Amino acid sequence: MQKTTPKKSASHHKQLQKCPTGIKGFDEITEGGLPKNRTTLVSGSAGSGKTLLGIDFLINGAIKFKEPGVFMSFEETEDE
């Protein structure tokens, strides 16, 4: 007999601790913000709002939640 892995329920995902971004619409669609104590990759094409999301997250973290933060940005030429 083959063992099957039980599917995780929607309530399991809600147990994941979240770090609110302070960005109302974003926190709503992510059910509370970004996963706490985890790395989150934000990717997208130029002009899609990645930098604005990061800056808003840092500003809200500093002002609303008294959290420290660091913003790092990297750039490549088209040839790279």
PDB file of N, CA and C in Angstrom:
ATOM      1  N   MET A   1       0.847  -1.172   0.000  1.00  0.00           N
ATOM      2  CA  MET A   1       0.000   0.000   0.000  1.00  0.00           C
ATOM      3  C   MET A   1       0.895   1.239   0.000  1.00  0.00           C
ATOM      4  N   GLN A   2       0.595   2.178  -0.840  1.00  0.00           N
ATOM      5  CA  GLN A   2       1.393   3.397  -0.974  1.00  0.00           C
ATOM      6  C   GLN A   2       0.916   4.458   0.009  1.00  0.00           C
ATOM      7  N   LYS A   3       1.895   5.070   0.702  1.00  0.00           N
ATOM      8  CA  LYS A   3       1.550   6.141   1.635  1.00  0.00           C
ATOM      9  C   LYS A   3       1.333   7.432   0.863  1.00  0.00           C
ATOM     10  N   THR A   4       0.379   8.195   1.288  1.00  0.00           N
ATOM     11  CA  THR A   4       0.153   9.512   0.692  1.00  0.00           C
ATOM     12  C   THR A   4       0.412  10.576   1.746  1.00  0.00           C
ATOM     13  N   THR A   5       0.911  11.676   1.287  1.00  0.00           N
ATOM     14  CA  THR A   5       1.160  12.799   2.186  1.00  0.00           C
ATOM     15  C   THR A   5      -0.109  13.623   2.287  1.00  0.00           C
ATOM     16  N   PRO A   6      -0.587  13.863   3.501  1.00  0.00           N
ATOM     17  CA  PRO A   6      -1.814  14.665   3.624  1.00  0.00           C
ATOM     18  C   PRO A   6      -1.584  16.087   3.123  1.00  0.00           C
ATOM     19  N   LYS A   7      -2.576  16.608   2.456  1.00  0.00           N
ATOM     20  CA  LYS A   7      -2.492  17.985   1.968  1.00  0.00           C
ATOM     21  C   LYS A   7      -2.613  18.945   3.137  1.00  0.00           C
ATOM     22  N   LYS A   8      -1.866  20.012   3.051  1.00  0.00           N
ATOM     23  CA  LYS A   8      -1.931  21.032   4.094  1.00  0.00           C
ATOM     24  C   LYS A   8      -3.156  21.896   3.860  1.00  0.00           C
ATOM     25  N   SER A   9      -3.887  22.126   4.910  1.00  0.00           N
ATOM     26  CA  SER A   9      -5.103  22.919   4.801  1.00  0.00           C
ATOM     27  C   SER A   9      -4.774  24.398   4.736  1.00  0.00           C
ATOM     28  N   ALA A  10      -5.762  25.181   4.364  1.00  0.00           N
ATOM     29  CA  ALA A  10      -5.593  26.638   4.310  1.00  0.00           C
ATOM     30  C   ALA A  10      -5.253  27.182   5.689  1.00  0.00           C
ATOM     31  N   SER A  11      -5.771  26.542   6.742  1.00  0.00           N
ATOM     32  CA  SER A  11      -5.488  27.020   8.092  1.00  0.00           C
ATOM     33  C   SER A  11      -4.018  26.816   8.455  1.00  0.00           C
ATOM     34  N   HIS A  12      -3.367  25.810   7.855  1.00  0.00           N
ATOM     35  CA  HIS A  12      -1.938  25.591   8.102  1.00  0.00           C
ATOM     36  C   HIS A  12      -1.128  26.791   7.627  1.00  0.00           C
ATOM     37  N   HIS A  13      -1.471  27.311   6.457  1.00  0.00           N
ATOM     38  CA  HIS A  13      -0.747  28.454   5.911  1.00  0.00           C
ATOM     39  C   HIS A  13      -0.973  29.713   6.742  1.00  0.00           C
ATOM     40  N   LYS A  14      -2.107  29.827   7.381  1.00  0.00           N
ATOM     41  CA  LYS A  14      -2.388  30.996   8.205  1.00  0.00           C
ATOM     42  C   LYS A  14      -1.588  30.970   9.507  1.00  0.00           C
ATOM     43  N   GLN A  15      -1.064  29.803   9.890  1.00  0.00           N
ATOM     44  CA  GLN A  15      -0.273  29.698  11.105  1.00  0.00           C
ATOM     45  C   GLN A  15       1.131  30.266  10.909  1.00  0.00           C
ATOM     46  N   LEU A  16       1.551  30.454   9.685  1.00  0.00           N
ATOM     47  CA  LEU A  16       2.857  31.028   9.385  1.00  0.00           C
ATOM     48  C   LEU A  16       2.893  32.454   9.912  1.00  0.00           C
ATOM     49  N   GLN A  17       3.878  32.757  10.757  1.00  0.00           N
ATOM     50  CA  GLN A  17       3.965  34.107  11.307  1.00  0.00           C
ATOM     51  C   GLN A  17       4.272  35.089  10.187  1.00  0.00           C
ATOM     52  N   LYS A  18       3.597  36.228  10.216  1.00  0.00           N
ATOM     53  CA  LYS A  18       3.767  37.231   9.178  1.00  0.00           C
ATOM     54  C   LYS A  18       4.351  38.506   9.756  1.00  0.00           C
ATOM     55  N   CYS A  19       5.027  39.226   8.910  1.00  0.00           N
ATOM     56  CA  CYS A  19       5.591  40.529   9.244  1.00  0.00           C
ATOM     57  C   CYS A  19       4.816  41.556   8.423  1.00  0.00           C
ATOM     58  N   PRO A  20       3.939  42.335   9.039  1.00  0.00           N
ATOM     59  CA  PRO A  20       3.154  43.294   8.263  1.00  0.00           C
ATOM     60  C   PRO A  20       4.052  44.316   7.582  1.00  0.00           C
ATOM     61  N   THR A  21       3.689  44.665   6.362  1.00  0.00           N
ATOM     62  CA  THR A  21       4.469  45.651   5.612  1.00  0.00           C
ATOM     63  C   THR A  21       3.988  47.061   5.884  1.00  0.00           C
ATOM     64  N   GLY A  22       2.769  47.185   6.392  1.00  0.00           N
ATOM     65  CA  GLY A  22       2.181  48.510   6.561  1.00  0.00           C
ATOM     66  C   GLY A  22       1.548  49.009   5.280  1.00  0.00           C
ATOM     67  N   ILE A  23       1.601  48.200   4.228  1.00  0.00           N
ATOM     68  CA  ILE A  23       0.995  48.545   2.941  1.00  0.00           C
ATOM     69  C   ILE A  23      -0.343  47.818   2.891  1.00  0.00           C
ATOM     70  N   LYS A  24      -1.420  48.564   3.094  1.00  0.00           N
ATOM     71  CA  LYS A  24      -2.753  48.000   3.325  1.00  0.00           C
ATOM     72  C   LYS A  24      -3.148  46.922   2.307  1.00  0.00           C
ATOM     73  N   GLY A  25      -3.186  47.228   1.062  1.00  0.00           N
ATOM     74  CA  GLY A  25      -3.618  46.260   0.056  1.00  0.00           C
ATOM     75  C   GLY A  25      -2.710  45.044  -0.016  1.00  0.00           C
ATOM     76  N   PHE A  26      -1.415  45.269   0.133  1.00  0.00           N
ATOM     77  CA  PHE A  26      -0.445  44.170   0.077  1.00  0.00           C
ATOM     78  C   PHE A  26      -0.630  43.230   1.265  1.00  0.00           C
ATOM     79  N   ASP A  27      -0.783  43.797   2.452  1.00  0.00           N
ATOM     80  CA  ASP A  27      -0.978  42.971   3.645  1.00  0.00           C
ATOM     81  C   ASP A  27      -2.276  42.180   3.565  1.00  0.00           C
ATOM     82  N   GLU A  28      -3.283  42.726   2.914  1.00  0.00           N
ATOM     83  CA  GLU A  28      -4.556  42.011   2.770  1.00  0.00           C
ATOM     84  C   GLU A  28      -4.404  40.805   1.852  1.00  0.00           C
ATOM     85  N   ILE A  29      -3.777  40.989   0.692  1.00  0.00           N
ATOM     86  CA  ILE A  29      -3.683  39.867  -0.254  1.00  0.00           C
ATOM     87  C   ILE A  29      -2.668  38.813   0.187  1.00  0.00           C
ATOM     88  N   THR A  30      -1.732  39.190   1.057  1.00  0.00           N
ATOM     89  CA  THR A  30      -0.758  38.219   1.565  1.00  0.00           C
ATOM     90  C   THR A  30      -1.170  37.669   2.930  1.00  0.00           C
ATOM     91  N   GLU A  31      -2.383  37.989   3.350  1.00  0.00           N
ATOM     92  CA  GLU A  31      -2.942  37.531   4.626  1.00  0.00           C
ATOM     93  C   GLU A  31      -2.041  37.888   5.806  1.00  0.00           C
ATOM     94  N   GLY A  32      -1.583  39.144   5.831  1.00  0.00           N
ATOM     95  CA  GLY A  32      -0.844  39.632   6.991  1.00  0.00           C
ATOM     96  C   GLY A  32       0.544  40.165   6.728  1.00  0.00           C
ATOM     97  N   GLY A  33       1.033  40.047   5.518  1.00  0.00           N
ATOM     98  CA  GLY A  33       2.360  40.562   5.205  1.00  0.00           C
ATOM     99  C   GLY A  33       3.297  39.475   4.720  1.00  0.00           C
ATOM    100  N   LEU A  34       4.589  39.742   4.837  1.00  0.00           N
ATOM    101  CA  LEU A  34       5.612  38.800   4.393  1.00  0.00           C
ATOM    102  C   LEU A  34       5.904  37.783   5.496  1.00  0.00           C
ATOM    103  N   PRO A  35       6.345  36.573   5.121  1.00  0.00           N
ATOM    104  CA  PRO A  35       6.688  35.582   6.144  1.00  0.00           C
ATOM    105  C   PRO A  35       7.784  36.104   7.075  1.00  0.00           C
ATOM    106  N   LYS A  36       7.555  35.979   8.370  1.00  0.00           N
ATOM    107  CA  LYS A  36       8.490  36.490   9.373  1.00  0.00           C
ATOM    108  C   LYS A  36       9.718  35.583   9.464  1.00  0.00           C
ATOM    109  N   ASN A  37      10.891  36.206   9.625  1.00  0.00           N
ATOM    110  CA  ASN A  37      12.168  35.495   9.776  1.00  0.00           C
ATOM    111  C   ASN A  37      12.519  34.630   8.573  1.00  0.00           C
ATOM    112  N   ARG A  38      12.126  35.062   7.397  1.00  0.00           N
ATOM    113  CA  ARG A  38      12.437  34.342   6.162  1.00  0.00           C
ATOM    114  C   ARG A  38      12.882  35.339   5.108  1.00  0.00           C
ATOM    115  N   THR A  39      13.620  34.854   4.151  1.00  0.00           N
ATOM    116  CA  THR A  39      14.052  35.687   3.036  1.00  0.00           C
ATOM    117  C   THR A  39      12.947  35.692   1.989  1.00  0.00           C
ATOM    118  N   THR A  40      12.646  36.863   1.451  1.00  0.00           N
ATOM    119  CA  THR A  40      11.639  36.982   0.409  1.00  0.00           C
ATOM    120  C   THR A  40      12.266  37.639  -0.805  1.00  0.00           C
ATOM    121  N   LEU A  41      12.186  36.983  -1.949  1.00  0.00           N
ATOM    122  CA  LEU A  41      12.698  37.532  -3.196  1.00  0.00           C
ATOM    123  C   LEU A  41      11.567  38.252  -3.906  1.00  0.00           C
ATOM    124  N   VAL A  42      11.801  39.496  -4.257  1.00  0.00           N
ATOM    125  CA  VAL A  42      10.834  40.266  -5.040  1.00  0.00           C
ATOM    126  C   VAL A  42      11.456  40.456  -6.410  1.00  0.00           C
ATOM    127  N   SER A  43      10.818  39.922  -7.433  1.00  0.00           N
ATOM    128  CA  SER A  43      11.365  40.054  -8.783  1.00  0.00           C
ATOM    129  C   SER A  43      10.299  40.602  -9.717  1.00  0.00           C
ATOM    130  N   GLY A  44      10.758  41.213 -10.787  1.00  0.00           N
ATOM    131  CA  GLY A  44       9.852  41.772 -11.774  1.00  0.00           C
ATOM    132  C   GLY A  44      10.621  42.614 -12.763  1.00  0.00           C
ATOM    133  N   SER A  45       9.949  43.005 -13.797  1.00  0.00           N
ATOM    134  CA  SER A  45      10.598  43.809 -14.828  1.00  0.00           C
ATOM    135  C   SER A  45      10.806  45.238 -14.333  1.00  0.00           C
ATOM    136  N   ALA A  46      11.608  45.975 -15.079  1.00  0.00           N
ATOM    137  CA  ALA A  46      11.878  47.374 -14.737  1.00  0.00           C
ATOM    138  C   ALA A  46      10.566  48.151 -14.680  1.00  0.00           C
ATOM    139  N   GLY A  47      10.414  48.950 -13.643  1.00  0.00           N
ATOM    140  CA  GLY A  47       9.226  49.784 -13.514  1.00  0.00           C
ATOM    141  C   GLY A  47       8.024  49.091 -12.906  1.00  0.00           C
ATOM    142  N   SER A  48       8.193  47.867 -12.407  1.00  0.00           N
ATOM    143  CA  SER A  48       7.044  47.135 -11.864  1.00  0.00           C
ATOM    144  C   SER A  48       6.743  47.469 -10.406  1.00  0.00           C
ATOM    145  N   GLY A  49       7.627  48.233  -9.739  1.00  0.00           N
ATOM    146  CA  GLY A  49       7.352  48.677  -8.378  1.00  0.00           C
ATOM    147  C   GLY A  49       8.139  47.965  -7.292  1.00  0.00           C
ATOM    148  N   LYS A  50       9.158  47.200  -7.674  1.00  0.00           N
ATOM    149  CA  LYS A  50       9.958  46.472  -6.679  1.00  0.00           C
ATOM    150  C   LYS A  50      10.631  47.420  -5.699  1.00  0.00           C
ATOM    151  N   THR A  51      11.263  48.463  -6.206  1.00  0.00           N
ATOM    152  CA  THR A  51      11.971  49.419  -5.349  1.00  0.00           C
ATOM    153  C   THR A  51      10.990  50.157  -4.450  1.00  0.00           C
ATOM    154  N   LEU A  52       9.853  50.573  -4.990  1.00  0.00           N
ATOM    155  CA  LEU A  52       8.847  51.261  -4.174  1.00  0.00           C
ATOM    156  C   LEU A  52       8.324  50.364  -3.060  1.00  0.00           C
ATOM    157  N   LEU A  53       8.114  49.092  -3.360  1.00  0.00           N
ATOM    158  CA  LEU A  53       7.671  48.145  -2.337  1.00  0.00           C
ATOM    159  C   LEU A  53       8.712  48.056  -1.227  1.00  0.00           C
ATOM    160  N   GLY A  54       9.976  47.920  -1.597  1.00  0.00           N
ATOM    161  CA  GLY A  54      11.043  47.826  -0.605  1.00  0.00           C
ATOM    162  C   GLY A  54      11.168  49.072   0.246  1.00  0.00           C
ATOM    163  N   ILE A  55      11.101  50.234  -0.385  1.00  0.00           N
ATOM    164  CA  ILE A  55      11.218  51.494   0.354  1.00  0.00           C
ATOM    165  C   ILE A  55      10.014  51.689   1.277  1.00  0.00           C
ATOM    166  N   ASP A  56       8.810  51.418   0.783  1.00  0.00           N
ATOM    167  CA  ASP A  56       7.611  51.515   1.636  1.00  0.00           C
ATOM    168  C   ASP A  56       7.720  50.572   2.832  1.00  0.00           C
ATOM    169  N   PHE A  57       8.180  49.352   2.586  1.00  0.00           N
ATOM    170  CA  PHE A  57       8.336  48.362   3.648  1.00  0.00           C
ATOM    171  C   PHE A  57       9.311  48.868   4.711  1.00  0.00           C
ATOM    172  N   LEU A  58      10.440  49.425   4.290  1.00  0.00           N
ATOM    173  CA  LEU A  58      11.431  49.942   5.243  1.00  0.00           C
ATOM    174  C   LEU A  58      10.921  51.156   6.011  1.00  0.00           C
ATOM    175  N   ILE A  59      10.285  52.080   5.304  1.00  0.00           N
ATOM    176  CA  ILE A  59       9.765  53.290   5.967  1.00  0.00           C
ATOM    177  C   ILE A  59       8.689  52.917   6.984  1.00  0.00           C
ATOM    178  N   ASN A  60       7.737  52.070   6.573  1.00  0.00           N
ATOM    179  CA  ASN A  60       6.683  51.644   7.500  1.00  0.00           C
ATOM    180  C   ASN A  60       7.263  50.864   8.673  1.00  0.00           C
ATOM    181  N   GLY A  61       8.254  50.030   8.414  1.00  0.00           N
ATOM    182  CA  GLY A  61       8.888  49.276   9.492  1.00  0.00           C
ATOM    183  C   GLY A  61       9.538  50.191  10.509  1.00  0.00           C
ATOM    184  N   ALA A  62      10.209  51.226  10.037  1.00  0.00           N
ATOM    185  CA  ALA A  62      10.893  52.161  10.936  1.00  0.00           C
ATOM    186  C   ALA A  62       9.903  53.028  11.704  1.00  0.00           C
ATOM    187  N   ILE A  63       8.904  53.560  11.006  1.00  0.00           N
ATOM    188  CA  ILE A  63       7.977  54.505  11.632  1.00  0.00           C
ATOM    189  C   ILE A  63       6.900  53.799  12.459  1.00  0.00           C
ATOM    190  N   LYS A  64       6.236  52.806  11.878  1.00  0.00           N
ATOM    191  CA  LYS A  64       5.103  52.165  12.558  1.00  0.00           C
ATOM    192  C   LYS A  64       5.519  51.078  13.545  1.00  0.00           C
ATOM    193  N   PHE A  65       6.600  50.363  13.223  1.00  0.00           N
ATOM    194  CA  PHE A  65       6.948  49.187  14.020  1.00  0.00           C
ATOM    195  C   PHE A  65       8.299  49.305  14.727  1.00  0.00           C
ATOM    196  N   LYS A  66       8.967  50.452  14.583  1.00  0.00           N
ATOM    197  CA  LYS A  66      10.264  50.698  15.244  1.00  0.00           C
ATOM    198  C   LYS A  66      11.293  49.608  14.937  1.00  0.00           C
ATOM    199  N   GLU A  67      11.303  49.135  13.696  1.00  0.00           N
ATOM    200  CA  GLU A  67      12.223  48.086  13.267  1.00  0.00           C
ATOM    201  C   GLU A  67      13.363  48.684  12.448  1.00  0.00           C
ATOM    202  N   PRO A  68      14.578  48.163  12.608  1.00  0.00           N
ATOM    203  CA  PRO A  68      15.683  48.619  11.762  1.00  0.00           C
ATOM    204  C   PRO A  68      15.571  47.977  10.381  1.00  0.00           C
ATOM    205  N   GLY A  69      16.245  48.530   9.412  1.00  0.00           N
ATOM    206  CA  GLY A  69      16.210  47.956   8.077  1.00  0.00           C
ATOM    207  C   GLY A  69      17.374  48.416   7.232  1.00  0.00           C
ATOM    208  N   VAL A  70      17.623  47.673   6.168  1.00  0.00           N
ATOM    209  CA  VAL A  70      18.700  47.988   5.228  1.00  0.00           C
ATOM    210  C   VAL A  70      18.141  47.832   3.825  1.00  0.00           C
ATOM    211  N   PHE A  71      18.480  48.769   2.944  1.00  0.00           N
ATOM    212  CA  PHE A  71      18.086  48.670   1.541  1.00  0.00           C
ATOM    213  C   PHE A  71      19.345  48.518   0.710  1.00  0.00           C
ATOM    214  N   MET A  72      19.401  47.471  -0.098  1.00  0.00           N
ATOM    215  CA  MET A  72      20.541  47.257  -0.993  1.00  0.00           C
ATOM    216  C   MET A  72      20.001  47.110  -2.401  1.00  0.00           C
ATOM    217  N   SER A  73      20.700  47.701  -3.342  1.00  0.00           N
ATOM    218  CA  SER A  73      20.269  47.642  -4.730  1.00  0.00           C
ATOM    219  C   SER A  73      21.462  47.286  -5.610  1.00  0.00           C
ATOM    220  N   PHE A  74      21.218  46.480  -6.613  1.00  0.00           N
ATOM    221  CA  PHE A  74      22.269  46.089  -7.548  1.00  0.00           C
ATOM    222  C   PHE A  74      21.806  46.406  -8.959  1.00  0.00           C
ATOM    223  N   GLU A  75      22.747  46.762  -9.785  1.00  0.00           N
ATOM    224  CA  GLU A  75      22.435  47.101 -11.164  1.00  0.00           C
ATOM    225  C   GLU A  75      23.383  46.373 -12.092  1.00  0.00           C
ATOM    226  N   GLU A  76      22.898  45.964 -13.242  1.00  0.00           N
ATOM    227  CA  GLU A  76      23.728  45.335 -14.263  1.00  0.00           C
ATOM    228  C   GLU A  76      23.474  46.024 -15.591  1.00  0.00           C
ATOM    229  N   THR A  77      24.490  46.031 -16.417  1.00  0.00           N
ATOM    230  CA  THR A  77      24.298  46.553 -17.772  1.00  0.00           C
ATOM    231  C   THR A  77      23.585  45.482 -18.592  1.00  0.00           C
ATOM    232  N   GLU A  78      23.111  45.831 -19.769  1.00  0.00           N
ATOM    233  CA  GLU A  78      22.435  44.859 -20.624  1.00  0.00           C
ATOM    234  C   GLU A  78      23.357  43.710 -21.001  1.00  0.00           C
ATOM    235  N   ASP A  79      24.660  43.996 -21.151  1.00  0.00           N
ATOM    236  CA  ASP A  79      25.628  42.967 -21.532  1.00  0.00           C
ATOM    237  C   ASP A  79      25.882  41.956 -20.419  1.00  0.00           C
ATOM    238  N   GLU A  80      25.684  42.369 -19.175  1.00  0.00           N
ATOM    239  CA  GLU A  80      25.947  41.470 -18.049  1.00  0.00           C
ATOM    240  C   GLU A  80      24.788  40.517 -17.877  1.00  0.00           C
TER     241      GLU A  80
END
